[in-house]
Amino acid sequence: MKKAGATNDIVSEKSGRRKSGNASTGNKTSQGARTKQPPGSSMCSRAFQTDEDDPGHPYFNYVDHSLENDDEPLVFLVPPSRVATFPVKLHVILSRKDFSHVICWMPHGRSWRLVDPVEFEMTIIPTYFGHASLSSFMRQANGWGFKRITKGKDKNSYYNEHFLRGLPHLCKKIPKPGSIKSKPEKTDVFREPDFAEISKNRPLPLEIDPTDVYAASLETIGKCILKDGPKARMPIICTDAATASKRNETASSLPVSSSDVKT
């Protein structure tokens, strides 16, 4: 009888250990299980918070350069005997009103959109870039630092902080692909700039001022490309038009000496 009792005690101890083991295992599982975080938590704040509620709205990581003057007015958009860069060609294309049904500025002038990608690929790309591939064009745009807006009224439009309507001199500050400065930063689709809101305080010109030296420069660059092709090198006569206009304007503002007056 004692042996049977001892056996029962051993069995009860083992069963008790098993039960306690299962309980401890259950506690570990419950502690390790993921729980849904409240809307105010860091993981879900972006999904539930509107852009207007974000303290960084409307700029976020965007830097506005619309008030910057031309630091190097004597530097050409395209130096003599050089081929126009991608941003300059894009400025030339967007300055043509007859292309507005194919590619155009957004109303605020801080990004542009392809209205008719098929027509753009068939006509404009071969004329200005020497190939007929929209995907290659978009790779070039990405290489030059253009970013795509993924939501809102500006969805599928592209922007660069130094590429603004009416201010072509800023594109001289866009670093070339491959340089250290041109490495694209990681974009945050939850914190995209609100250009319509930005433009309420800092509106851009509807078009480049016809009297601006860069207006003549863009026109002559476009003529050179249409005449000699996408890889046309800018002759001095074309790129010097803006400089000549600037020199004439400066000369006319100088005071006339008494020796220059005819009697």
Protein backbone atom coordinates (compact mmCIF):
# COMPACT_ATOMS: atom_id res chain seq x y z
CA MET A 1 0.00 0.00 0.00
CA LYS A 2 2.82 2.33 0.78
CA LYS A 3 4.32 1.66 -2.62
CA ALA A 4 1.06 2.47 -4.36
CA GLY A 5 0.76 5.67 -2.35
CA ALA A 6 4.29 6.62 -3.16
CA THR A 7 3.61 5.93 -6.82
CA ASN A 8 0.52 8.12 -6.75
CA ASP A 9 2.52 10.90 -5.10
CA ILE A 10 5.14 10.68 -7.83
CA VAL A 11 2.47 10.77 -10.56
CA SER A 12 0.77 13.76 -8.92
CA GLU A 13 4.08 15.62 -8.70
CA LYS A 14 4.82 14.97 -12.37
CA SER A 15 1.35 16.03 -13.45
CA GLY A 16 1.69 19.15 -11.35
CA ARG A 17 4.97 19.98 -12.98
CA ARG A 18 3.46 19.49 -16.42
CA LYS A 19 0.59 21.80 -15.58
CA SER A 20 2.88 24.44 -14.17
CA GLY A 21 5.08 24.08 -17.27
CA ASN A 22 2.15 24.61 -19.59
CA ALA A 23 1.09 27.66 -17.62
CA SER A 24 4.53 29.22 -17.85
CA THR A 25 4.68 28.49 -21.56
CA GLY A 26 1.29 30.14 -21.98
CA ASN A 27 2.55 33.23 -20.17
CA LYS A 28 5.54 33.50 -22.47
CA THR A 29 3.30 33.21 -25.51
CA SER A 30 0.98 35.89 -24.26
CA GLN A 31 3.88 38.21 -23.47
CA GLY A 32 5.51 37.69 -26.86
CA ALA A 33 2.34 38.11 -28.90
CA ARG A 34 2.01 41.36 -30.84
CA THR A 35 -0.77 43.69 -29.86
CA LYS A 36 -2.45 46.30 -32.02
CA GLN A 37 -1.06 49.72 -31.33
CA PRO A 38 -3.37 52.68 -30.83
CA PRO A 39 -3.74 55.24 -33.63
CA GLY A 40 -1.58 57.72 -31.74
CA SER A 41 1.42 55.39 -31.65
CA SER A 42 4.55 55.92 -33.75
CA MET A 43 3.82 52.99 -36.08
CA CYS A 44 0.31 54.11 -36.97
CA SER A 45 0.63 57.89 -36.72
CA ARG A 46 1.47 58.27 -40.40
CA ALA A 47 -1.45 56.12 -41.48
CA PHE A 48 -3.99 58.05 -39.45
CA GLN A 49 -2.57 61.57 -39.34
CA THR A 50 -3.45 63.96 -42.17
CA ASP A 51 -0.84 66.08 -43.90
CA GLU A 52 -2.39 69.28 -42.56
CA ASP A 53 -1.94 68.04 -39.00
CA ASP A 54 1.75 67.43 -39.50
CA PRO A 55 3.83 70.31 -38.09
CA GLY A 56 6.07 70.16 -41.16
CA HIS A 57 3.22 70.90 -43.57
CA PRO A 58 3.33 72.20 -46.31
CA TYR A 59 7.10 72.06 -46.93
CA PHE A 60 8.16 68.92 -45.04
CA ASN A 61 11.65 68.18 -46.43
CA TYR A 62 11.22 70.47 -49.45
CA VAL A 63 13.45 73.57 -49.66
CA ASP A 64 12.11 76.55 -51.60
CA HIS A 65 14.65 78.37 -53.80
CA SER A 66 12.26 80.71 -55.61
CA LEU A 67 13.68 83.84 -53.97
CA GLU A 68 17.30 83.08 -54.84
CA ASN A 69 18.98 85.37 -57.34
CA ASP A 70 21.42 84.27 -60.00
CA ASP A 71 24.74 84.06 -58.16
CA GLU A 72 26.67 83.63 -61.43
CA PRO A 73 24.97 85.76 -64.10
CA LEU A 74 27.95 85.46 -66.45
CA VAL A 75 27.75 81.65 -66.49
CA PHE A 76 25.77 80.40 -69.49
CA LEU A 77 22.92 77.93 -69.25
CA VAL A 78 24.86 76.08 -71.93
CA PRO A 79 28.51 77.05 -72.38
CA PRO A 80 29.80 77.52 -75.96
CA SER A 81 30.61 74.26 -77.79
CA ARG A 82 28.74 72.26 -75.14
CA VAL A 83 25.55 70.19 -75.41
CA ALA A 84 22.51 71.34 -73.47
CA THR A 85 21.89 69.41 -70.26
CA PHE A 86 18.70 67.49 -69.48
CA PRO A 87 17.21 70.22 -67.22
CA VAL A 88 17.91 72.94 -69.80
CA LYS A 89 16.27 70.94 -72.58
CA LEU A 90 13.29 70.34 -70.32
CA HIS A 91 13.00 74.07 -69.66
CA VAL A 92 13.08 74.69 -73.42
CA ILE A 93 10.31 72.13 -73.99
CA LEU A 94 8.10 73.45 -71.19
CA SER A 95 8.55 77.03 -72.44
CA ARG A 96 6.80 76.10 -75.70
CA LYS A 97 3.07 76.64 -75.45
CA ASP A 98 2.46 74.42 -78.48
CA PHE A 99 3.62 71.44 -76.37
CA SER A 100 1.20 72.11 -73.50
CA HIS A 101 -1.15 69.34 -74.65
CA VAL A 102 1.72 66.85 -74.33
CA ILE A 103 3.74 68.08 -71.34
CA CYS A 104 3.03 71.05 -69.09
CA TRP A 105 3.76 72.76 -65.82
CA MET A 106 1.36 72.18 -62.96
CA PRO A 107 -0.63 75.35 -62.10
CA HIS A 108 1.77 76.28 -59.28
CA GLY A 109 4.85 75.89 -61.52
CA ARG A 110 6.87 73.70 -59.13
CA SER A 111 6.37 70.40 -60.92
CA TRP A 112 5.52 69.15 -64.41
CA ARG A 113 3.42 66.31 -65.77
CA LEU A 114 3.20 64.28 -68.96
CA VAL A 115 -0.27 64.86 -70.39
CA ASP A 116 0.15 62.56 -73.41
CA PRO A 117 3.03 60.11 -72.78
CA VAL A 118 2.58 58.39 -76.15
CA GLU A 119 2.84 61.61 -78.14
CA PHE A 120 5.75 62.72 -75.97
CA GLU A 121 7.61 59.48 -76.69
CA MET A 122 6.95 59.60 -80.43
CA THR A 123 7.67 63.25 -81.22
CA ILE A 124 9.39 65.26 -78.47
CA ILE A 125 11.85 62.70 -77.09
CA PRO A 126 13.46 61.91 -80.49
CA THR A 127 13.74 65.60 -81.34
CA TYR A 128 15.36 66.76 -78.12
CA PHE A 129 16.98 63.65 -76.63
CA GLY A 130 17.93 61.49 -79.62
CA HIS A 131 16.03 58.31 -78.70
CA ALA A 132 12.44 57.10 -78.56
CA SER A 133 12.15 55.50 -75.13
CA LEU A 134 9.98 56.94 -72.40
CA SER A 135 11.58 54.64 -69.82
CA SER A 136 15.03 55.99 -70.73
CA PHE A 137 13.72 59.54 -70.37
CA MET A 138 12.35 58.77 -66.91
CA ARG A 139 15.67 57.21 -65.88
CA GLN A 140 17.38 60.42 -66.95
CA ALA A 141 14.89 62.45 -64.93
CA ASN A 142 15.57 60.31 -61.86
CA GLY A 143 19.31 60.64 -62.41
CA TRP A 144 18.99 64.43 -62.41
CA GLY A 145 17.17 64.36 -59.09
CA PHE A 146 13.53 64.64 -60.17
CA LYS A 147 11.05 63.05 -57.77
CA ARG A 148 7.51 61.87 -58.40
CA ILE A 149 4.48 63.01 -56.40
CA THR A 150 2.41 59.94 -55.51
CA LYS A 151 -0.85 61.44 -54.24
CA GLY A 152 -3.13 64.45 -54.30
CA LYS A 153 -3.76 66.91 -57.12
CA ASP A 154 -0.11 66.74 -58.22
CA LYS A 155 -0.07 62.94 -58.46
CA ASN A 156 2.33 61.60 -61.13
CA SER A 157 3.99 64.98 -61.58
CA TYR A 158 7.75 65.41 -61.15
CA TYR A 159 9.71 68.07 -59.31
CA ASN A 160 13.19 69.22 -58.43
CA GLU A 161 13.90 71.95 -55.90
CA HIS A 162 16.00 73.86 -58.46
CA PHE A 163 13.60 73.39 -61.37
CA LEU A 164 10.94 76.12 -61.20
CA ARG A 165 8.78 77.79 -63.81
CA GLY A 166 10.10 81.17 -64.95
CA LEU A 167 13.42 80.72 -63.11
CA PRO A 168 15.69 78.74 -65.46
CA HIS A 169 18.86 80.11 -63.84
CA LEU A 170 18.25 77.80 -60.88
CA CYS A 171 18.83 74.69 -62.98
CA LYS A 172 22.52 75.62 -63.13
CA LYS A 173 22.64 74.45 -59.51
CA ILE A 174 21.33 70.96 -60.25
CA PRO A 175 24.26 68.53 -59.83
CA LYS A 176 25.08 66.22 -62.70
CA PRO A 177 24.26 62.50 -62.41
CA GLY A 178 27.03 60.52 -60.78
CA SER A 179 28.24 63.32 -58.54
CA ILE A 180 28.10 62.99 -54.77
CA LYS A 181 25.47 65.72 -54.46
CA SER A 182 23.21 64.03 -57.04
CA LYS A 183 22.64 60.88 -54.98
CA PRO A 184 18.86 60.71 -54.49
CA GLU A 185 17.56 60.95 -50.95
CA LYS A 186 14.98 58.50 -49.68
CA THR A 187 11.55 59.94 -50.31
CA ASP A 188 8.78 59.73 -47.73
CA VAL A 189 5.43 59.30 -49.47
CA PHE A 190 3.69 60.36 -46.25
CA ARG A 191 5.48 63.72 -46.20
CA GLU A 192 5.32 65.04 -49.76
CA PRO A 193 5.32 68.82 -50.24
CA ASP A 194 2.03 70.62 -50.80
CA PHE A 195 2.96 72.90 -53.70
CA ALA A 196 -0.44 74.54 -53.97
CA GLU A 197 -0.20 75.64 -50.34
CA ILE A 198 3.43 76.75 -50.72
CA SER A 199 2.56 78.88 -53.74
CA LYS A 200 -0.01 80.85 -51.77
CA ASN A 201 2.86 82.55 -49.96
CA ARG A 202 5.52 82.25 -52.66
CA PRO A 203 3.87 82.27 -56.10
CA LEU A 204 5.99 81.73 -59.20
CA PRO A 205 5.77 83.72 -62.46
CA LEU A 206 3.35 82.28 -65.00
CA GLU A 207 6.16 82.31 -67.56
CA ILE A 208 9.67 83.61 -67.94
CA ASP A 209 9.87 87.36 -68.42
CA PRO A 210 10.40 88.04 -72.17
CA THR A 211 12.88 90.78 -71.26
CA ASP A 212 14.92 88.39 -69.13
CA VAL A 213 18.26 87.41 -70.66
CA TYR A 214 17.45 83.75 -70.08
CA ALA A 215 14.30 84.00 -72.21
CA ALA A 216 16.47 84.79 -75.23
CA SER A 217 18.90 82.09 -74.18
CA LEU A 218 16.22 79.38 -74.03
CA GLU A 219 14.86 80.46 -77.41
CA THR A 220 18.24 80.31 -79.12
CA ILE A 221 19.12 76.98 -77.47
CA GLY A 222 15.86 75.55 -78.77
CA LYS A 223 16.57 76.80 -82.28
CA CYS A 224 20.04 75.27 -82.21
CA ILE A 225 18.63 71.88 -81.18
CA LEU A 226 15.96 71.95 -83.89
CA LYS A 227 18.57 72.86 -86.48
CA ASP A 228 21.47 70.59 -85.54
CA GLY A 229 19.80 67.82 -83.55
CA PRO A 230 19.71 66.66 -79.90
CA LYS A 231 23.51 66.65 -79.58
CA ALA A 232 23.94 70.11 -81.04
CA ARG A 233 26.84 72.00 -79.52
CA MET A 234 26.04 75.57 -78.73
CA PRO A 235 27.96 78.02 -80.95
CA ILE A 236 29.13 81.29 -79.50
CA ILE A 237 26.61 83.22 -81.57
CA CYS A 238 23.71 81.36 -79.95
CA THR A 239 24.81 81.32 -76.36
CA ASP A 240 26.18 84.86 -76.60
CA ALA A 241 22.79 86.36 -77.42
CA ALA A 242 21.83 86.66 -73.78
CA THR A 243 25.18 88.17 -72.88
CA ALA A 244 24.99 90.69 -75.72
CA SER A 245 21.55 91.77 -74.57
CA LYS A 246 22.84 92.15 -71.04
CA ARG A 247 25.82 94.19 -72.20
CA ASN A 248 23.61 96.50 -74.26
CA GLU A 249 21.34 97.03 -71.28
CA THR A 250 24.30 97.82 -69.06
CA ALA A 251 25.83 100.16 -71.59
CA SER A 252 22.59 102.10 -72.04
CA SER A 253 22.42 102.72 -68.30
CA LEU A 254 25.92 104.26 -68.13
CA PRO A 255 26.22 108.08 -68.02
CA VAL A 256 27.27 109.77 -71.24
CA SER A 257 30.47 111.79 -71.07
CA SER A 258 30.81 115.25 -72.61
CA SER A 259 33.33 113.93 -75.15
CA ASP A 260 30.73 111.59 -76.61
CA VAL A 261 28.22 114.38 -77.26
CA LYS A 262 28.31 115.69 -80.78
CA THR A 263 28.11 119.44 -81.23
